[in-house]
Structure formats: C-alpha cells, structure tokens
Amino acid sequence: MSQLRYVVVEGPIGAGKSSLARRLSEYWGVRMLAEDPAANPFLPRFYRNLPAHGLSTQLSFMLQRADMAKSMLNGELLASPLVSDFLFEKDALFAKINLDEAELALYKRLASLAMPEHPVPDLVIYLQASEENLLSRVAARAAEYEVNFPEGYLKRVHQAYSEFFHQYEAAPLLIVNTDHLNLVDGDEDFELLIRCISEARGQRNYFNKSV
C-alpha cells in the first residue's frame, strides 16, 4: 500500500466494490471500512416502493456515514491505513436520484447539520461495468429485494455514477472497466490491478483490459 493510507473503491450496484475492497484490505493487511446495508431497516421497503421510502432510506444511510466520518476525524479510523467500499459523496449522489425536490431540500438541510467534513482519499478506484453485466452480477449474488429493481432504476444509478466521476477531481482517480476482469477470484487480473495502482500518476488513470 506504500504511501496510500486511505483507499476507496466505488461503483454502481453490482460493480463488485465491496468484494474488491475486501480483497485489497486482505492483500495489504489493512483494515476495511464497509457500509452496512443490512443495518438500514428501510432498504427492503425502498426497493418495493421507491417514492414512499426514499427519504427515510436516504437519511438512515446519511446518519450511518456521518458516524463513520466523525470516527475518522477523531482519529479512530485513520490511525492506520484502511480501504473503504464507499465514497462519502455517494450519499448526495443517491439523494439526487431518489428524492423529489422538496425531499432533496430537506435532506440537504439535515445533511448540513449532521454530516461533518470528511477526509479526502489518497486514491479512489472507480469500477465501471455495462448495465447488462451489472444486472447479471446483482442477480447472481443479491438479496431478494435487490434482484427486482424498479424498471429503469439501475440505469439511472449507472448514469449518475458516470456523470459524477466524469467531473470528479477531489482525489486521484483510477477508472477500471470490469467487463472483462475478474478482480475477486482471478489472480492474474488482480495482480494487474495492483500494478496499475502502484504505477498510477497524476489525478486520473485508466485500466481497461480488452478481450
């Protein structure tokens, strides 16, 4: 991990961010900071009825992330290197997708009160994948409520991530196209990624393995 003390793996639902973050933390021998969707009691209801449960789901995640940010600022979590499977900015990204105008205004007001400043990663690894691959991966691994996404939802999430990282400049970024990669079980692909991380220079780098 060398000079990297705080690495974030991000990507849309089904991209494999949690699995890769876990493998990186084990490979480097560092801690992992992970989201806990199971701790959000509104999430299954959200996937059944987005308009009715969008705000409650969003606020529950926001408070979970606020607690993590406070722990990081207090030095409890950044006392040693770590890998995380989420970027704090994703909270606002999902809020824009899932909330109507009035709900979004309320969310922003509450977030400004509850969410502290958060540390900037030394590196963000953004996992890309086609919408078809995302759907197949979700179907292969997911909780039942994740399989039956409302029509068009995953496409909106996919597009929101693409637009967000197209403009992202807060931290060095490694963009990884995972359509032809196996970063969870494939040793060769994983070693290629490790080499890309070690050779990354500047603010924006790419890893795209052709067929």
Foldseek 3Di string as FASTA:
>chain_A
DPPFQEEEEEEAAQLCLVLLQVVVCVVVVHAEDEDDLVVQPLVLVCQVPLAVRVLSSLVVSLLVVQVVQVCVVVVNRSVGGYYYHDDNVVSLLSLVVRYDPVSNVVVVVVSVVRHDDGDQGQEYEYEAEDLVSSLVSCVVDHDPSSNDGPPPSSVSRNVSVVVCVVPDQRHAYEYEYCHPPDCNPDPVRVVVVVVCVVPDDDRYHYHYDDD
